[in-house]
PDB file of N, CA and C in Angstrom:
ATOM      1  N   MET A   1      61.474  72.829  66.461  1.00  0.00           N
ATOM      2  CA  MET A   1      61.817  74.131  65.969  1.00  0.00           C
ATOM      3  C   MET A   1      61.311  74.398  64.729  1.00  0.00           C
ATOM      4  N   LYS A   2      60.711  75.455  64.314  1.00  0.00           N
ATOM      5  CA  LYS A   2      60.825  75.794  62.696  1.00  0.00           C
ATOM      6  C   LYS A   2      61.675  76.687  62.146  1.00  0.00           C
ATOM      7  N   ASN A   3      61.861  76.842  60.813  1.00  0.00           N
ATOM      8  CA  ASN A   3      62.572  77.585  60.009  1.00  0.00           C
ATOM      9  C   ASN A   3      64.338  77.377  60.754  1.00  0.00           C
ATOM     10  N   ILE A   4      64.797  76.502  60.978  1.00  0.00           N
ATOM     11  CA  ILE A   4      66.175  76.105  61.355  1.00  0.00           C
ATOM     12  C   ILE A   4      66.859  76.104  59.856  1.00  0.00           C
ATOM     13  N   ALA A   5      67.929  76.693  60.236  1.00  0.00           N
ATOM     14  CA  ALA A   5      68.773  77.020  58.812  1.00  0.00           C
ATOM     15  C   ALA A   5      70.249  76.788  59.458  1.00  0.00           C
ATOM     16  N   ARG A   6      71.277  76.616  58.732  1.00  0.00           N
ATOM     17  CA  ARG A   6      72.572  76.677  58.720  1.00  0.00           C
ATOM     18  C   ARG A   6      73.299  77.916  57.849  1.00  0.00           C
ATOM     19  N   VAL A   7      74.097  78.579  58.347  1.00  0.00           N
ATOM     20  CA  VAL A   7      74.992  79.549  57.607  1.00  0.00           C
ATOM     21  C   VAL A   7      76.394  79.119  57.588  1.00  0.00           C
ATOM     22  N   HIS A   8      77.038  79.616  56.734  1.00  0.00           N
ATOM     23  CA  HIS A   8      78.657  79.340  56.394  1.00  0.00           C
ATOM     24  C   HIS A   8      78.905  80.702  56.202  1.00  0.00           C
ATOM     25  N   ALA A   9      80.055  81.393  57.062  1.00  0.00           N
ATOM     26  CA  ALA A   9      80.042  83.018  56.962  1.00  0.00           C
ATOM     27  C   ALA A   9      81.877  82.971  56.982  1.00  0.00           C
ATOM     28  N   LEU A  10      82.296  83.872  56.314  1.00  0.00           N
ATOM     29  CA  LEU A  10      83.795  84.145  56.295  1.00  0.00           C
ATOM     30  C   LEU A  10      83.830  85.715  56.300  1.00  0.00           C
ATOM     31  N   VAL A  11      84.669  85.916  57.604  1.00  0.00           N
ATOM     32  CA  VAL A  11      84.719  87.175  58.102  1.00  0.00           C
ATOM     33  C   VAL A  11      86.157  87.430  57.751  1.00  0.00           C
ATOM     34  N   THR A  12      86.269  88.795  57.282  1.00  0.00           N
ATOM     35  CA  THR A  12      87.593  89.496  56.562  1.00  0.00           C
ATOM     36  C   THR A  12      87.658  90.557  57.404  1.00  0.00           C
ATOM     37  N   GLY A  13      89.085  91.128  57.534  1.00  0.00           N
ATOM     38  CA  GLY A  13      89.464  92.448  58.210  1.00  0.00           C
ATOM     39  C   GLY A  13      90.470  91.982  59.402  1.00  0.00           C
ATOM     40  N   LYS A  14      90.306  93.049  60.356  1.00  0.00           N
ATOM     41  CA  LYS A  14      91.164  92.735  61.239  1.00  0.00           C
ATOM     42  C   LYS A  14      90.589  91.628  62.287  1.00  0.00           C
ATOM     43  N   VAL A  15      90.427  90.285  62.118  1.00  0.00           N
ATOM     44  CA  VAL A  15      89.707  89.536  62.912  1.00  0.00           C
ATOM     45  C   VAL A  15      90.483  88.548  63.422  1.00  0.00           C
ATOM     46  N   GLN A  16      91.957  88.393  63.305  1.00  0.00           N
ATOM     47  CA  GLN A  16      92.808  87.299  64.236  1.00  0.00           C
ATOM     48  C   GLN A  16      93.482  88.050  64.983  1.00  0.00           C
ATOM     49  N   GLY A  17      93.617  87.514  66.398  1.00  0.00           N
ATOM     50  CA  GLY A  17      94.642  88.008  67.069  1.00  0.00           C
ATOM     51  C   GLY A  17      93.777  89.220  68.163  1.00  0.00           C
ATOM     52  N   VAL A  18      92.502  89.111  67.870  1.00  0.00           N
ATOM     53  CA  VAL A  18      91.747  90.316  68.753  1.00  0.00           C
ATOM     54  C   VAL A  18      90.560  89.515  69.628  1.00  0.00           C
ATOM     55  N   GLY A  19      90.574  88.377  69.722  1.00  0.00           N
ATOM     56  CA  GLY A  19      89.305  87.830  70.685  1.00  0.00           C
ATOM     57  C   GLY A  19      88.158  87.597  69.619  1.00  0.00           C
ATOM     58  N   PHE A  20      88.340  87.438  68.049  1.00  0.00           N
ATOM     59  CA  PHE A  20      87.269  87.310  67.643  1.00  0.00           C
ATOM     60  C   PHE A  20      86.538  85.980  67.670  1.00  0.00           C
ATOM     61  N   ARG A  21      87.217  84.757  67.767  1.00  0.00           N
ATOM     62  CA  ARG A  21      86.893  83.417  67.868  1.00  0.00           C
ATOM     63  C   ARG A  21      86.168  83.440  69.205  1.00  0.00           C
ATOM     64  N   ALA A  22      86.660  83.768  70.010  1.00  0.00           N
ATOM     65  CA  ALA A  22      85.909  83.667  71.747  1.00  0.00           C
ATOM     66  C   ALA A  22      84.865  84.632  71.448  1.00  0.00           C
ATOM     67  N   PHE A  23      84.760  85.898  70.990  1.00  0.00           N
ATOM     68  CA  PHE A  23      83.571  86.311  70.863  1.00  0.00           C
ATOM     69  C   PHE A  23      82.473  85.899  70.086  1.00  0.00           C
ATOM     70  N   ALA A  24      82.917  85.312  69.184  1.00  0.00           N
ATOM     71  CA  ALA A  24      81.698  84.730  68.238  1.00  0.00           C
ATOM     72  C   ALA A  24      81.223  83.362  69.263  1.00  0.00           C
ATOM     73  N   GLN A  25      82.262  82.811  69.787  1.00  0.00           N
ATOM     74  CA  GLN A  25      81.632  81.747  70.743  1.00  0.00           C
ATOM     75  C   GLN A  25      80.854  82.033  71.652  1.00  0.00           C
ATOM     76  N   ASP A  26      81.162  83.142  72.443  1.00  0.00           N
ATOM     77  CA  ASP A  26      80.185  83.854  73.433  1.00  0.00           C
ATOM     78  C   ASP A  26      78.907  83.992  72.707  1.00  0.00           C
ATOM     79  N   GLN A  27      78.910  84.568  71.896  1.00  0.00           N
ATOM     80  CA  GLN A  27      77.690  85.270  71.037  1.00  0.00           C
ATOM     81  C   GLN A  27      76.835  83.952  70.926  1.00  0.00           C
ATOM     82  N   ALA A  28      77.352  82.802  70.344  1.00  0.00           N
ATOM     83  CA  ALA A  28      76.890  81.838  69.772  1.00  0.00           C
ATOM     84  C   ALA A  28      76.128  80.946  70.994  1.00  0.00           C
ATOM     85  N   ILE A  29      77.106  80.970  72.098  1.00  0.00           N
ATOM     86  CA  ILE A  29      76.439  80.362  73.243  1.00  0.00           C
ATOM     87  C   ILE A  29      75.146  80.896  73.722  1.00  0.00           C
ATOM     88  N   GLN A  30      75.329  82.487  74.074  1.00  0.00           N
ATOM     89  CA  GLN A  30      74.207  83.266  74.346  1.00  0.00           C
ATOM     90  C   GLN A  30      73.017  82.960  73.816  1.00  0.00           C
ATOM     91  N   LYS A  31      73.133  82.827  72.369  1.00  0.00           N
ATOM     92  CA  LYS A  31      71.948  82.675  71.564  1.00  0.00           C
ATOM     93  C   LYS A  31      71.391  81.143  71.307  1.00  0.00           C
ATOM     94  N   GLY A  32      72.129  80.283  71.665  1.00  0.00           N
ATOM     95  CA  GLY A  32      71.697  78.957  71.770  1.00  0.00           C
ATOM     96  C   GLY A  32      71.951  78.255  70.302  1.00  0.00           C
ATOM     97  N   ILE A  33      72.867  78.895  69.540  1.00  0.00           N
ATOM     98  CA  ILE A  33      73.533  78.188  68.226  1.00  0.00           C
ATOM     99  C   ILE A  33      74.720  77.363  68.392  1.00  0.00           C
ATOM    100  N   ASP A  34      74.360  76.215  67.485  1.00  0.00           N
ATOM    101  CA  ASP A  34      75.174  75.215  67.368  1.00  0.00           C
ATOM    102  C   ASP A  34      76.179  75.535  66.175  1.00  0.00           C
ATOM    103  N   GLY A  35      77.565  75.126  66.216  1.00  0.00           N
ATOM    104  CA  GLY A  35      78.530  75.142  65.181  1.00  0.00           C
ATOM    105  C   GLY A  35      79.764  75.278  65.686  1.00  0.00           C
ATOM    106  N   TRP A  36      80.921  76.113  64.986  1.00  0.00           N
ATOM    107  CA  TRP A  36      82.066  76.274  65.246  1.00  0.00           C
ATOM    108  C   TRP A  36      82.779  77.654  64.529  1.00  0.00           C
ATOM    109  N   VAL A  37      83.946  77.839  64.844  1.00  0.00           N
ATOM    110  CA  VAL A  37      84.457  79.032  64.407  1.00  0.00           C
ATOM    111  C   VAL A  37      86.154  78.618  64.179  1.00  0.00           C
ATOM    112  N   ARG A  38      86.817  78.681  63.355  1.00  0.00           N
ATOM    113  CA  ARG A  38      88.196  79.063  63.218  1.00  0.00           C
ATOM    114  C   ARG A  38      88.920  79.979  62.360  1.00  0.00           C
ATOM    115  N   ASN A  39      90.183  80.079  62.610  1.00  0.00           N
ATOM    116  CA  ASN A  39      91.190  81.232  61.712  1.00  0.00           C
ATOM    117  C   ASN A  39      91.432  79.987  60.578  1.00  0.00           C
ATOM    118  N   CYS A  40      91.554  81.429  59.523  1.00  0.00           N
ATOM    119  CA  CYS A  40      91.834  80.524  58.364  1.00  0.00           C
ATOM    120  C   CYS A  40      93.354  81.137  57.991  1.00  0.00           C
ATOM    121  N   GLN A  41      94.199  80.457  57.248  1.00  0.00           N
ATOM    122  CA  GLN A  41      95.554  80.904  56.808  1.00  0.00           C
ATOM    123  C   GLN A  41      95.697  82.569  56.309  1.00  0.00           C
ATOM    124  N   ASP A  42      94.749  82.704  55.491  1.00  0.00           N
ATOM    125  CA  ASP A  42      94.596  83.927  54.742  1.00  0.00           C
ATOM    126  C   ASP A  42      94.236  85.212  55.810  1.00  0.00           C
ATOM    127  N   GLY A  43      93.995  84.733  57.143  1.00  0.00           N
ATOM    128  CA  GLY A  43      93.682  85.867  57.915  1.00  0.00           C
ATOM    129  C   GLY A  43      92.345  86.107  58.399  1.00  0.00           C
ATOM    130  N   SER A  44      91.383  85.351  57.419  1.00  0.00           N
ATOM    131  CA  SER A  44      90.106  85.568  57.870  1.00  0.00           C
ATOM    132  C   SER A  44      89.717  84.558  58.806  1.00  0.00           C
ATOM    133  N   VAL A  45      88.389  84.535  59.243  1.00  0.00           N
ATOM    134  CA  VAL A  45      87.730  83.894  60.047  1.00  0.00           C
ATOM    135  C   VAL A  45      86.652  83.016  59.525  1.00  0.00           C
ATOM    136  N   GLU A  46      86.440  81.924  59.710  1.00  0.00           N
ATOM    137  CA  GLU A  46      85.527  81.010  58.962  1.00  0.00           C
ATOM    138  C   GLU A  46      84.776  80.533  60.063  1.00  0.00           C
ATOM    139  N   ILE A  47      83.042  80.479  59.979  1.00  0.00           N
ATOM    140  CA  ILE A  47      82.173  80.190  61.029  1.00  0.00           C
ATOM    141  C   ILE A  47      80.949  79.771  60.197  1.00  0.00           C
ATOM    142  N   GLU A  48      80.743  78.288  60.970  1.00  0.00           N
ATOM    143  CA  GLU A  48      79.632  77.543  60.458  1.00  0.00           C
ATOM    144  C   GLU A  48      78.564  77.467  61.684  1.00  0.00           C
ATOM    145  N   ALA A  49      77.493  77.844  61.547  1.00  0.00           N
ATOM    146  CA  ALA A  49      76.407  77.878  62.375  1.00  0.00           C
ATOM    147  C   ALA A  49      75.126  77.529  62.306  1.00  0.00           C
ATOM    148  N   GLU A  50      74.436  76.874  63.335  1.00  0.00           N
ATOM    149  CA  GLU A  50      73.027  76.250  63.088  1.00  0.00           C
ATOM    150  C   GLU A  50      72.142  76.698  64.270  1.00  0.00           C
ATOM    151  N   GLY A  51      70.788  76.905  63.740  1.00  0.00           N
ATOM    152  CA  GLY A  51      69.883  77.487  64.746  1.00  0.00           C
ATOM    153  C   GLY A  51      68.755  78.014  63.976  1.00  0.00           C
ATOM    154  N   PRO A  52      67.848  78.802  64.632  1.00  0.00           N
ATOM    155  CA  PRO A  52      66.777  79.422  64.149  1.00  0.00           C
ATOM    156  C   PRO A  52      67.298  80.599  63.100  1.00  0.00           C
ATOM    157  N   ARG A  53      66.492  80.656  62.096  1.00  0.00           N
ATOM    158  CA  ARG A  53      66.910  81.670  60.959  1.00  0.00           C
ATOM    159  C   ARG A  53      67.209  83.046  61.851  1.00  0.00           C
ATOM    160  N   PHE A  54      65.828  83.443  62.340  1.00  0.00           N
ATOM    161  CA  PHE A  54      65.882  84.686  62.870  1.00  0.00           C
ATOM    162  C   PHE A  54      67.146  85.099  64.040  1.00  0.00           C
ATOM    163  N   ILE A  55      67.623  83.812  64.717  1.00  0.00           N
ATOM    164  CA  ILE A  55      68.633  84.017  65.719  1.00  0.00           C
ATOM    165  C   ILE A  55      70.017  83.887  65.009  1.00  0.00           C
ATOM    166  N   LEU A  56      69.936  83.559  63.550  1.00  0.00           N
ATOM    167  CA  LEU A  56      71.244  83.376  63.222  1.00  0.00           C
ATOM    168  C   LEU A  56      71.476  85.086  62.610  1.00  0.00           C
ATOM    169  N   ASP A  57      70.320  85.426  62.225  1.00  0.00           N
ATOM    170  CA  ASP A  57      70.466  87.108  61.489  1.00  0.00           C
ATOM    171  C   ASP A  57      71.172  87.961  62.763  1.00  0.00           C
ATOM    172  N   ASP A  58      70.548  87.710  64.050  1.00  0.00           N
ATOM    173  CA  ASP A  58      71.128  88.345  64.985  1.00  0.00           C
ATOM    174  C   ASP A  58      72.591  88.133  65.200  1.00  0.00           C
ATOM    175  N   PHE A  59      73.060  86.997  65.154  1.00  0.00           N
ATOM    176  CA  PHE A  59      74.317  86.349  65.213  1.00  0.00           C
ATOM    177  C   PHE A  59      75.208  87.041  64.318  1.00  0.00           C
ATOM    178  N   LEU A  60      74.637  87.253  62.980  1.00  0.00           N
ATOM    179  CA  LEU A  60      75.567  87.882  61.971  1.00  0.00           C
ATOM    180  C   LEU A  60      75.794  89.242  62.192  1.00  0.00           C
ATOM    181  N   LYS A  61      74.764  90.068  62.897  1.00  0.00           N
ATOM    182  CA  LYS A  61      74.659  91.450  63.324  1.00  0.00           C
ATOM    183  C   LYS A  61      75.775  91.502  64.487  1.00  0.00           C
ATOM    184  N   ALA A  62      75.825  90.910  65.321  1.00  0.00           N
ATOM    185  CA  ALA A  62      76.918  90.826  66.101  1.00  0.00           C
ATOM    186  C   ALA A  62      78.375  90.832  65.696  1.00  0.00           C
ATOM    187  N   LEU A  63      78.433  89.851  64.716  1.00  0.00           N
ATOM    188  CA  LEU A  63      79.583  89.342  64.458  1.00  0.00           C
ATOM    189  C   LEU A  63      80.078  90.553  63.724  1.00  0.00           C
ATOM    190  N   GLU A  64      79.259  91.477  62.863  1.00  0.00           N
ATOM    191  CA  GLU A  64      79.434  92.638  62.166  1.00  0.00           C
ATOM    192  C   GLU A  64      80.283  93.816  63.017  1.00  0.00           C
ATOM    193  N   GLN A  65      79.882  93.903  64.330  1.00  0.00           N
ATOM    194  CA  GLN A  65      80.350  94.486  65.368  1.00  0.00           C
ATOM    195  C   GLN A  65      81.850  93.977  65.923  1.00  0.00           C
ATOM    196  N   GLY A  66      81.723  92.842  66.040  1.00  0.00           N
ATOM    197  CA  GLY A  66      82.903  92.179  66.579  1.00  0.00           C
ATOM    198  C   GLY A  66      83.325  92.635  67.918  1.00  0.00           C
ATOM    199  N   PRO A  67      84.650  92.152  68.578  1.00  0.00           N
ATOM    200  CA  PRO A  67      84.797  92.560  70.001  1.00  0.00           C
ATOM    201  C   PRO A  67      85.732  93.935  69.748  1.00  0.00           C
ATOM    202  N   PRO A  68      85.833  94.364  70.718  1.00  0.00           N
ATOM    203  CA  PRO A  68      86.477  95.855  70.659  1.00  0.00           C
ATOM    204  C   PRO A  68      87.604  96.301  69.803  1.00  0.00           C
ATOM    205  N   LEU A  69      88.635  95.266  69.664  1.00  0.00           N
ATOM    206  CA  LEU A  69      89.770  95.437  69.017  1.00  0.00           C
ATOM    207  C   LEU A  69      89.765  94.918  67.625  1.00  0.00           C
ATOM    208  N   SER A  70      88.788  94.589  66.964  1.00  0.00           N
ATOM    209  CA  SER A  70      88.565  94.006  65.779  1.00  0.00           C
ATOM    210  C   SER A  70      88.027  95.258  64.753  1.00  0.00           C
ATOM    211  N   ARG A  71      88.133  95.076  63.414  1.00  0.00           N
ATOM    212  CA  ARG A  71      87.390  95.702  62.448  1.00  0.00           C
ATOM    213  C   ARG A  71      87.121  94.788  61.394  1.00  0.00           C
ATOM    214  N   VAL A  72      85.834  94.798  61.517  1.00  0.00           N
ATOM    215  CA  VAL A  72      85.270  93.610  60.202  1.00  0.00           C
ATOM    216  C   VAL A  72      85.062  94.493  59.057  1.00  0.00           C
ATOM    217  N   ALA A  73      85.687  93.899  57.837  1.00  0.00           N
ATOM    218  CA  ALA A  73      85.783  94.663  56.464  1.00  0.00           C
ATOM    219  C   ALA A  73      84.299  93.832  55.792  1.00  0.00           C
ATOM    220  N   ASN A  74      84.389  92.801  55.792  1.00  0.00           N
ATOM    221  CA  ASN A  74      83.209  92.025  55.151  1.00  0.00           C
ATOM    222  C   ASN A  74      82.906  90.712  55.660  1.00  0.00           C
ATOM    223  N   ILE A  75      81.742  90.377  55.859  1.00  0.00           N
ATOM    224  CA  ILE A  75      81.415  88.886  56.143  1.00  0.00           C
ATOM    225  C   ILE A  75      80.570  88.376  54.694  1.00  0.00           C
ATOM    226  N   THR A  76      81.124  87.385  54.042  1.00  0.00           N
ATOM    227  CA  THR A  76      80.524  86.532  53.223  1.00  0.00           C
ATOM    228  C   THR A  76      79.539  85.645  53.824  1.00  0.00           C
ATOM    229  N   VAL A  77      78.302  85.284  53.549  1.00  0.00           N
ATOM    230  CA  VAL A  77      77.468  84.593  54.053  1.00  0.00           C
ATOM    231  C   VAL A  77      76.711  83.585  52.897  1.00  0.00           C
ATOM    232  N   ASP A  78      76.782  82.052  53.040  1.00  0.00           N
ATOM    233  CA  ASP A  78      76.206  81.467  52.247  1.00  0.00           C
ATOM    234  C   ASP A  78      75.211  80.583  53.068  1.00  0.00           C
ATOM    235  N   TRP A  79      74.144  80.659  52.749  1.00  0.00           N
ATOM    236  CA  TRP A  79      72.664  80.037  53.736  1.00  0.00           C
ATOM    237  C   TRP A  79      72.625  78.411  52.990  1.00  0.00           C
ATOM    238  N   LYS A  80      72.506  77.257  53.854  1.00  0.00           N
ATOM    239  CA  LYS A  80      72.597  75.963  53.769  1.00  0.00           C
ATOM    240  C   LYS A  80      71.254  75.657  54.516  1.00  0.00           C
ATOM    241  N   ALA A  81      70.578  74.416  54.109  1.00  0.00           N
ATOM    242  CA  ALA A  81      69.897  73.658  54.728  1.00  0.00           C
ATOM    243  C   ALA A  81      70.343  73.327  55.970  1.00  0.00           C
ATOM    244  N   ALA A  82      69.855  72.909  57.317  1.00  0.00           N
ATOM    245  CA  ALA A  82      70.349  72.729  58.509  1.00  0.00           C
ATOM    246  C   ALA A  82      70.314  70.995  58.306  1.00  0.00           C
ATOM    247  N   ASN A  83      71.434  70.721  58.935  1.00  0.00           N
ATOM    248  CA  ASN A  83      71.983  69.212  58.954  1.00  0.00           C
ATOM    249  C   ASN A  83      72.314  68.537  60.252  1.00  0.00           C
ATOM    250  N   ARG A  84      72.065  69.448  61.454  1.00  0.00           N
ATOM    251  CA  ARG A  84      72.025  69.090  62.932  1.00  0.00           C
ATOM    252  C   ARG A  84      73.377  68.188  63.048  1.00  0.00           C
ATOM    253  N   GLN A  85      74.413  68.406  62.443  1.00  0.00           N
ATOM    254  CA  GLN A  85      75.598  67.491  62.967  1.00  0.00           C
ATOM    255  C   GLN A  85      76.308  68.004  63.914  1.00  0.00           C
ATOM    256  N   THR A  86      76.313  69.103  64.440  1.00  0.00           N
ATOM    257  CA  THR A  86      76.862  69.783  65.500  1.00  0.00           C
ATOM    258  C   THR A  86      76.337  69.875  66.678  1.00  0.00           C
ATOM    259  N   GLN A  87      76.636  69.985  67.995  1.00  0.00           N
ATOM    260  CA  GLN A  87      76.018  70.271  69.036  1.00  0.00           C
ATOM    261  C   GLN A  87      76.976  70.824  69.897  1.00  0.00           C
ATOM    262  N   GLY A  88      76.265  72.105  70.192  1.00  0.00           N
ATOM    263  CA  GLY A  88      77.218  73.221  71.086  1.00  0.00           C
ATOM    264  C   GLY A  88      78.163  74.006  69.981  1.00  0.00           C
ATOM    265  N   PHE A  89      78.984  74.775  70.553  1.00  0.00           N
ATOM    266  CA  PHE A  89      79.636  75.889  69.592  1.00  0.00           C
ATOM    267  C   PHE A  89      81.151  75.741  70.199  1.00  0.00           C
ATOM    268  N   THR A  90      81.714  75.343  69.223  1.00  0.00           N
ATOM    269  CA  THR A  90      83.264  75.024  69.428  1.00  0.00           C
ATOM    270  C   THR A  90      84.437  76.185  68.606  1.00  0.00           C
ATOM    271  N   VAL A  91      85.581  76.282  69.383  1.00  0.00           N
ATOM    272  CA  VAL A  91      86.602  77.199  68.582  1.00  0.00           C
ATOM    273  C   VAL A  91      87.625  75.726  68.056  1.00  0.00           C
ATOM    274  N   LEU A  92      87.699  75.766  66.752  1.00  0.00           N
ATOM    275  CA  LEU A  92      88.712  74.661  66.169  1.00  0.00           C
ATOM    276  C   LEU A  92      89.813  75.566  66.008  1.00  0.00           C
ATOM    277  N   ARG A  93      90.783  74.782  66.500  1.00  0.00           N
ATOM    278  CA  ARG A  93      92.068  74.959  66.261  1.00  0.00           C
ATOM    279  C   ARG A  93      92.834  74.958  64.725  1.00  0.00           C
ATOM    280  N   SER A  94      93.108  76.164  64.238  1.00  0.00           N
ATOM    281  CA  SER A  94      93.893  76.015  63.124  1.00  0.00           C
ATOM    282  C   SER A  94      95.097  75.155  62.954  1.00  0.00           C
TER     283      SER A  94
END
């Protein structure tokens, strides 16, 4: 598959206790993205995902909306080279 990328994202706002990690996992599984999501101690949510760049762009757009009870304030994105170290998409426990 061409143009595989990896993205590290930090999502801030009302994103804990609202189903955001499950939402991110559902979106990733639907789109065939590999990676993980976890809560951070500062109230943000951290995500690392890998897949075709255009699908990751769609994934990030979905994250901007989030689940109904969330309010995303900002997503900081850092693009990286793919490393193929993850399979599937998991919720990591904090």
